[in-house]
Every structure is written in structure tokens, then in C-alpha cells.
Amino acid sequence: MAGMISFSSSGDFKNMTKFLNFVSNNSYITNVLNQAGREGVSALQNATPELTGLAAESWGYSVTSTAGVHTITWTNDDIENGFPVAIMLQYGHATGTGGYVQGRDYINPAIKPIFDKIAEKVWKAVTSA
């Protein structure tokens, strides 16, 4: 017959079903992200340059899951004159006397190992599902 397509398969879909059940379970990924959030806060606190300590103490995080998209966000609530201190430390800032304070990349090196752990844990869970 012209235009007819057929296929056959043997076995079952047990592994695929197990995988699909795993990826539909948001709690595992949420738990991984919450653990990473706590570890990230600690890493950022330890890496933050200190003068008063307020910037280091002001780190926090949140995890959201919406429509299968999982997000982790680290925050810092230390604000001076309407500007986030963590950003000033990271990228530099002008002074009130016309000078400039060079920024120091402390966020990226502190948080990279946390991203690596997230990727490793999720990949391991997906491949062993």
C-alpha cells in the first residue's frame, strides 16, 4: 500500500515511565535547589568583602517552581543610598569625593561550585531514573 508507515517494538516502557514520573516530581528538584540555596548563602557570606559585615549578613535566597520551570534566586538586602552594596562591591562604584573604588569579582567564584553541584545532582538523578 502506498503511503503506509508501520513500526513495531518489543519490551515495555518501564524505564521511560519511571523517568517521566521522576521528572514530573517537583519535590526532588525543589529539595536540591533549597539545599543549594542554603549552601550558596553560606558561600556568598564567606566571600563577601567585609567592612561592616552587613552586606555579608544580608544574603538570602528563594526557590520558585512554575509550570515545570525551577528557579533559584540569591538576594542581598543591604542597600545604601538606593543602591545594592553587593553590586557595588562586585562591579565597583564612584565615591562622593570624585574617586572610584574598583570592583572585585567575588560572587561568581563563590557561586560556581554551587551551580556545579546542582547540575551534578540533577544529572545523576535523571540518568539513574
N, C-alpha and C. Protein backbone atom coordinates (compact mmCIF):
# COMPACT_ATOMS: atom_id res chain seq x y z
N MET A 1 0.83 -1.19 0.00
CA MET A 1 0.00 0.00 0.00
C MET A 1 0.87 1.24 0.00
N ALA A 2 0.54 2.18 -0.79
CA ALA A 2 1.29 3.42 -0.87
C ALA A 2 0.94 4.31 0.32
N GLY A 3 1.95 4.97 0.90
CA GLY A 3 1.74 5.94 1.98
C GLY A 3 1.53 5.31 3.34
N MET A 4 1.74 4.03 3.49
CA MET A 4 1.53 3.38 4.77
C MET A 4 2.86 3.28 5.52
N ILE A 5 2.83 3.63 6.79
CA ILE A 5 4.01 3.54 7.65
C ILE A 5 3.65 2.63 8.81
N SER A 6 4.57 1.74 9.14
CA SER A 6 4.32 0.88 10.29
C SER A 6 5.62 0.74 11.08
N PHE A 7 5.47 0.40 12.34
CA PHE A 7 6.63 0.12 13.18
C PHE A 7 6.23 -0.89 14.22
N SER A 8 7.23 -1.53 14.77
CA SER A 8 6.96 -2.49 15.83
C SER A 8 7.97 -2.26 16.95
N SER A 9 7.60 -2.71 18.11
CA SER A 9 8.51 -2.57 19.23
C SER A 9 8.34 -3.78 20.12
N SER A 10 9.37 -4.05 20.88
CA SER A 10 9.28 -5.15 21.84
C SER A 10 9.70 -4.63 23.20
N GLY A 11 9.32 -5.33 24.20
CA GLY A 11 9.66 -4.89 25.55
C GLY A 11 8.56 -4.01 26.11
N ASP A 12 8.93 -3.22 27.12
CA ASP A 12 7.93 -2.34 27.72
C ASP A 12 8.51 -0.94 27.87
N PHE A 13 7.72 -0.06 28.40
CA PHE A 13 8.12 1.33 28.57
C PHE A 13 8.41 1.64 30.05
N LYS A 14 8.80 0.62 30.80
CA LYS A 14 9.03 0.77 32.24
C LYS A 14 10.06 1.86 32.54
N ASN A 15 11.18 1.87 31.85
CA ASN A 15 12.22 2.88 32.12
C ASN A 15 11.75 4.27 31.75
N MET A 16 11.06 4.39 30.62
CA MET A 16 10.56 5.69 30.23
C MET A 16 9.50 6.18 31.22
N THR A 17 8.63 5.30 31.64
CA THR A 17 7.61 5.66 32.61
C THR A 17 8.24 6.10 33.93
N LYS A 18 9.26 5.36 34.36
CA LYS A 18 9.98 5.72 35.59
C LYS A 18 10.61 7.11 35.46
N PHE A 19 11.25 7.37 34.31
CA PHE A 19 11.87 8.67 34.07
C PHE A 19 10.83 9.78 34.06
N LEU A 20 9.72 9.58 33.35
CA LEU A 20 8.69 10.61 33.28
C LEU A 20 8.07 10.87 34.65
N ASN A 21 7.89 9.84 35.44
CA ASN A 21 7.40 10.05 36.81
C ASN A 21 8.40 10.85 37.64
N PHE A 22 9.68 10.58 37.44
CA PHE A 22 10.70 11.30 38.19
C PHE A 22 10.70 12.78 37.83
N VAL A 23 10.73 13.09 36.53
CA VAL A 23 10.82 14.50 36.14
C VAL A 23 9.54 15.26 36.45
N SER A 24 8.43 14.55 36.60
CA SER A 24 7.20 15.25 36.96
C SER A 24 7.11 15.50 38.46
N ASN A 25 8.02 14.93 39.23
CA ASN A 25 8.03 15.10 40.68
C ASN A 25 8.85 16.34 41.02
N ASN A 26 8.19 17.45 41.27
CA ASN A 26 8.87 18.71 41.56
C ASN A 26 9.61 18.71 42.89
N SER A 27 9.22 17.84 43.82
CA SER A 27 9.81 17.92 45.15
C SER A 27 11.30 17.61 45.14
N TYR A 28 11.76 16.68 44.32
CA TYR A 28 13.19 16.36 44.28
C TYR A 28 13.99 17.59 43.85
N ILE A 29 13.60 18.19 42.76
CA ILE A 29 14.33 19.35 42.24
C ILE A 29 14.24 20.52 43.23
N THR A 30 13.06 20.72 43.81
CA THR A 30 12.90 21.79 44.80
C THR A 30 13.81 21.55 46.00
N ASN A 31 13.90 20.31 46.45
CA ASN A 31 14.80 19.99 47.58
C ASN A 31 16.26 20.26 47.22
N VAL A 32 16.66 19.86 46.02
CA VAL A 32 18.04 20.12 45.57
C VAL A 32 18.30 21.63 45.54
N LEU A 33 17.36 22.40 45.02
CA LEU A 33 17.55 23.85 44.92
C LEU A 33 17.54 24.51 46.30
N ASN A 34 16.72 24.04 47.21
CA ASN A 34 16.74 24.60 48.57
C ASN A 34 18.06 24.32 49.28
N GLN A 35 18.58 23.11 49.12
CA GLN A 35 19.89 22.81 49.70
C GLN A 35 20.96 23.69 49.07
N ALA A 36 20.91 23.84 47.75
CA ALA A 36 21.87 24.69 47.04
C ALA A 36 21.71 26.14 47.48
N GLY A 37 20.49 26.57 47.73
CA GLY A 37 20.26 27.94 48.20
C GLY A 37 20.96 28.21 49.52
N ARG A 38 20.81 27.28 50.45
CA ARG A 38 21.48 27.43 51.76
C ARG A 38 23.00 27.43 51.61
N GLU A 39 23.51 26.51 50.78
CA GLU A 39 24.96 26.45 50.56
C GLU A 39 25.45 27.71 49.86
N GLY A 40 24.67 28.22 48.93
CA GLY A 40 25.04 29.45 48.22
C GLY A 40 25.08 30.64 49.16
N VAL A 41 24.10 30.75 50.05
CA VAL A 41 24.10 31.85 51.03
C VAL A 41 25.36 31.79 51.87
N SER A 42 25.72 30.60 52.34
CA SER A 42 26.93 30.46 53.15
C SER A 42 28.18 30.84 52.36
N ALA A 43 28.26 30.36 51.10
CA ALA A 43 29.43 30.67 50.26
C ALA A 43 29.52 32.17 49.99
N LEU A 44 28.39 32.80 49.72
CA LEU A 44 28.38 34.25 49.45
C LEU A 44 28.72 35.04 50.70
N GLN A 45 28.22 34.62 51.85
CA GLN A 45 28.56 35.30 53.10
C GLN A 45 30.06 35.24 53.36
N ASN A 46 30.65 34.07 53.12
CA ASN A 46 32.09 33.91 53.36
C ASN A 46 32.94 34.67 52.35
N ALA A 47 32.42 34.86 51.14
CA ALA A 47 33.20 35.52 50.09
C ALA A 47 33.04 37.03 50.07
N THR A 48 31.99 37.55 50.71
CA THR A 48 31.70 38.99 50.64
C THR A 48 32.77 39.77 51.39
N PRO A 49 33.40 40.76 50.71
CA PRO A 49 34.36 41.61 51.40
C PRO A 49 33.68 42.31 52.57
N GLU A 50 34.35 42.36 53.69
CA GLU A 50 33.72 42.91 54.89
C GLU A 50 34.32 44.25 55.28
N LEU A 51 33.46 45.19 55.55
CA LEU A 51 33.83 46.41 56.26
C LEU A 51 32.97 46.48 57.51
N THR A 52 31.66 46.44 57.31
CA THR A 52 30.75 46.45 58.46
C THR A 52 30.16 45.07 58.70
N GLY A 53 30.23 44.19 57.72
CA GLY A 53 29.65 42.87 57.83
C GLY A 53 28.19 42.82 57.42
N LEU A 54 27.55 43.97 57.25
CA LEU A 54 26.14 43.99 56.91
C LEU A 54 25.86 43.35 55.55
N ALA A 55 26.69 43.62 54.58
CA ALA A 55 26.49 43.03 53.24
C ALA A 55 26.59 41.51 53.32
N ALA A 56 27.55 41.00 54.05
CA ALA A 56 27.72 39.55 54.18
C ALA A 56 26.53 38.92 54.90
N GLU A 57 25.99 39.60 55.88
CA GLU A 57 24.87 39.08 56.66
C GLU A 57 23.53 39.20 55.93
N SER A 58 23.48 39.91 54.82
CA SER A 58 22.23 40.23 54.15
C SER A 58 21.87 39.30 52.99
N TRP A 59 22.60 38.21 52.82
CA TRP A 59 22.30 37.27 51.73
C TRP A 59 21.11 36.40 52.09
N GLY A 60 20.31 36.08 51.09
CA GLY A 60 19.18 35.18 51.22
C GLY A 60 18.94 34.50 49.89
N TYR A 61 17.93 33.67 49.83
CA TYR A 61 17.60 33.00 48.57
C TYR A 61 16.13 32.67 48.53
N SER A 62 15.63 32.39 47.34
CA SER A 62 14.27 31.88 47.17
C SER A 62 14.27 30.87 46.03
N VAL A 63 13.37 29.91 46.12
CA VAL A 63 13.20 28.90 45.09
C VAL A 63 11.75 28.98 44.63
N THR A 64 11.56 29.04 43.32
CA THR A 64 10.20 29.03 42.76
C THR A 64 10.10 27.94 41.71
N SER A 65 8.91 27.37 41.61
CA SER A 65 8.63 26.36 40.58
C SER A 65 7.29 26.71 39.96
N THR A 66 7.31 27.01 38.68
CA THR A 66 6.09 27.38 37.97
C THR A 66 6.09 26.70 36.61
N ALA A 67 5.07 25.94 36.35
CA ALA A 67 4.89 25.29 35.05
C ALA A 67 6.13 24.53 34.60
N GLY A 68 6.75 23.80 35.52
CA GLY A 68 7.90 22.98 35.19
C GLY A 68 9.22 23.73 35.10
N VAL A 69 9.21 25.02 35.39
CA VAL A 69 10.44 25.82 35.39
C VAL A 69 10.83 26.08 36.84
N HIS A 70 12.02 25.67 37.20
CA HIS A 70 12.51 25.80 38.56
C HIS A 70 13.58 26.89 38.59
N THR A 71 13.46 27.80 39.54
CA THR A 71 14.37 28.94 39.61
C THR A 71 14.88 29.11 41.02
N ILE A 72 16.17 29.36 41.13
CA ILE A 72 16.77 29.73 42.41
C ILE A 72 17.32 31.14 42.25
N THR A 73 17.04 31.98 43.22
CA THR A 73 17.48 33.37 43.18
C THR A 73 18.15 33.71 44.50
N TRP A 74 19.38 34.22 44.42
CA TRP A 74 20.06 34.70 45.62
C TRP A 74 19.85 36.21 45.70
N THR A 75 19.61 36.70 46.89
CA THR A 75 19.33 38.12 47.09
C THR A 75 20.26 38.67 48.16
N ASN A 76 20.42 39.99 48.13
CA ASN A 76 21.16 40.68 49.18
C ASN A 76 20.40 41.97 49.48
N ASP A 77 20.00 42.13 50.73
CA ASP A 77 19.14 43.25 51.13
C ASP A 77 19.89 44.46 51.67
N ASP A 78 21.23 44.46 51.58
CA ASP A 78 21.99 45.62 52.06
C ASP A 78 21.99 46.69 50.97
N ILE A 79 21.24 47.76 51.22
CA ILE A 79 21.09 48.85 50.25
C ILE A 79 21.60 50.14 50.89
N GLU A 80 22.45 50.86 50.17
CA GLU A 80 22.94 52.17 50.63
C GLU A 80 22.59 53.21 49.58
N ASN A 81 21.92 54.25 50.00
CA ASN A 81 21.51 55.33 49.10
C ASN A 81 20.79 54.78 47.87
N GLY A 82 19.97 53.76 48.07
CA GLY A 82 19.18 53.20 46.99
C GLY A 82 19.91 52.25 46.07
N PHE A 83 21.15 51.89 46.41
CA PHE A 83 21.93 51.03 45.53
C PHE A 83 22.40 49.80 46.30
N PRO A 84 22.31 48.60 45.72
CA PRO A 84 22.72 47.38 46.42
C PRO A 84 24.24 47.34 46.66
N VAL A 85 24.61 47.17 47.91
CA VAL A 85 26.03 47.15 48.28
C VAL A 85 26.75 45.98 47.62
N ALA A 86 26.09 44.82 47.53
CA ALA A 86 26.73 43.65 46.90
C ALA A 86 27.13 43.95 45.46
N ILE A 87 26.30 44.70 44.75
CA ILE A 87 26.60 45.07 43.36
C ILE A 87 27.75 46.08 43.33
N MET A 88 27.76 47.02 44.26
CA MET A 88 28.87 47.99 44.33
C MET A 88 30.19 47.27 44.56
N LEU A 89 30.18 46.28 45.46
CA LEU A 89 31.41 45.54 45.74
C LEU A 89 31.85 44.71 44.53
N GLN A 90 30.89 44.14 43.82
CA GLN A 90 31.18 43.29 42.67
C GLN A 90 31.71 44.09 41.48
N TYR A 91 31.06 45.22 41.17
CA TYR A 91 31.37 45.95 39.94
C TYR A 91 32.09 47.27 40.15
N GLY A 92 32.23 47.71 41.39
CA GLY A 92 32.89 48.98 41.65
C GLY A 92 31.89 50.11 41.73
N HIS A 93 32.36 51.25 42.22
CA HIS A 93 31.46 52.39 42.37
C HIS A 93 32.27 53.68 42.54
N ALA A 94 31.60 54.76 42.22
CA ALA A 94 32.21 56.08 42.42
C ALA A 94 32.08 56.46 43.89
N THR A 95 32.98 57.31 44.34
CA THR A 95 32.91 57.81 45.71
C THR A 95 32.32 59.21 45.70
N GLY A 96 31.95 59.68 46.86
CA GLY A 96 31.38 61.02 46.98
C GLY A 96 32.39 62.12 46.73
N THR A 97 33.67 61.79 46.72
CA THR A 97 34.72 62.80 46.52
C THR A 97 35.30 62.77 45.11
N GLY A 98 34.63 62.04 44.19
CA GLY A 98 35.09 62.00 42.81
C GLY A 98 36.02 60.85 42.49
N GLY A 99 36.30 60.01 43.44
CA GLY A 99 37.15 58.86 43.19
C GLY A 99 36.36 57.66 42.71
N TYR A 100 37.05 56.56 42.56
CA TYR A 100 36.41 55.33 42.11
C TYR A 100 37.01 54.17 42.89
N VAL A 101 36.14 53.29 43.37
CA VAL A 101 36.56 52.07 44.05
C VAL A 101 36.37 50.91 43.08
N GLN A 102 37.46 50.25 42.76
CA GLN A 102 37.44 49.13 41.82
C GLN A 102 36.62 47.98 42.41
N GLY A 103 35.80 47.34 41.57
CA GLY A 103 35.03 46.18 42.00
C GLY A 103 35.91 44.95 42.10
N ARG A 104 35.38 43.95 42.76
CA ARG A 104 36.10 42.68 42.94
C ARG A 104 35.12 41.55 42.66
N ASP A 105 35.46 40.68 41.72
CA ASP A 105 34.58 39.56 41.38
C ASP A 105 34.63 38.53 42.49
N TYR A 106 33.69 38.60 43.40
CA TYR A 106 33.62 37.64 44.49
C TYR A 106 32.37 36.75 44.39
N ILE A 107 31.36 37.20 43.66
CA ILE A 107 30.11 36.44 43.57
C ILE A 107 30.28 35.21 42.68
N ASN A 108 30.81 35.39 41.48
CA ASN A 108 30.93 34.28 40.53
C ASN A 108 31.79 33.13 41.06
N PRO A 109 32.98 33.40 41.60
CA PRO A 109 33.77 32.28 42.13
C PRO A 109 33.10 31.58 43.32
N ALA A 110 32.35 32.33 44.11
CA ALA A 110 31.68 31.74 45.27
C ALA A 110 30.52 30.85 44.86
N ILE A 111 29.80 31.24 43.83
CA ILE A 111 28.57 30.54 43.48
C ILE A 111 28.77 29.45 42.43
N LYS A 112 29.86 29.48 41.67
CA LYS A 112 30.09 28.47 40.63
C LYS A 112 30.07 27.04 41.17
N PRO A 113 30.74 26.73 42.29
CA PRO A 113 30.68 25.36 42.80
C PRO A 113 29.25 24.92 43.16
N ILE A 114 28.42 25.86 43.53
CA ILE A 114 27.03 25.55 43.86
C ILE A 114 26.28 25.16 42.58
N PHE A 115 26.48 25.91 41.50
CA PHE A 115 25.87 25.56 40.21
C PHE A 115 26.34 24.18 39.75
N ASP A 116 27.63 23.92 39.93
CA ASP A 116 28.18 22.62 39.52
C ASP A 116 27.52 21.48 40.31
N LYS A 117 27.29 21.68 41.61
CA LYS A 117 26.63 20.65 42.43
C LYS A 117 25.19 20.43 41.98
N ILE A 118 24.48 21.50 41.67
CA ILE A 118 23.10 21.37 41.20
C ILE A 118 23.08 20.53 39.93
N ALA A 119 23.92 20.88 38.97
CA ALA A 119 23.95 20.15 37.70
C ALA A 119 24.30 18.68 37.92
N GLU A 120 25.27 18.43 38.79
CA GLU A 120 25.70 17.05 39.05
C GLU A 120 24.56 16.23 39.69
N LYS A 121 23.90 16.80 40.68
CA LYS A 121 22.82 16.07 41.37
C LYS A 121 21.65 15.80 40.45
N VAL A 122 21.24 16.80 39.71
CA VAL A 122 20.09 16.61 38.82
C VAL A 122 20.45 15.64 37.70
N TRP A 123 21.64 15.77 37.12
CA TRP A 123 22.05 14.86 36.05
C TRP A 123 22.11 13.42 36.57
N LYS A 124 22.67 13.23 37.75
CA LYS A 124 22.77 11.89 38.33
C LYS A 124 21.37 11.31 38.56
N ALA A 125 20.47 12.12 39.06
CA ALA A 125 19.11 11.64 39.31
C ALA A 125 18.40 11.31 38.01
N VAL A 126 18.57 12.13 36.98
CA VAL A 126 17.90 11.89 35.70
C VAL A 126 18.46 10.62 35.06
N THR A 127 19.76 10.45 35.07
CA THR A 127 20.35 9.28 34.40
C THR A 127 20.15 7.99 35.17
N SER A 128 19.84 8.08 36.46
CA SER A 128 19.59 6.86 37.23
C SER A 128 18.11 6.56 37.39
N ALA A 129 17.27 7.43 36.84
CA ALA A 129 15.81 7.25 36.99
C ALA A 129 15.33 6.02 36.25
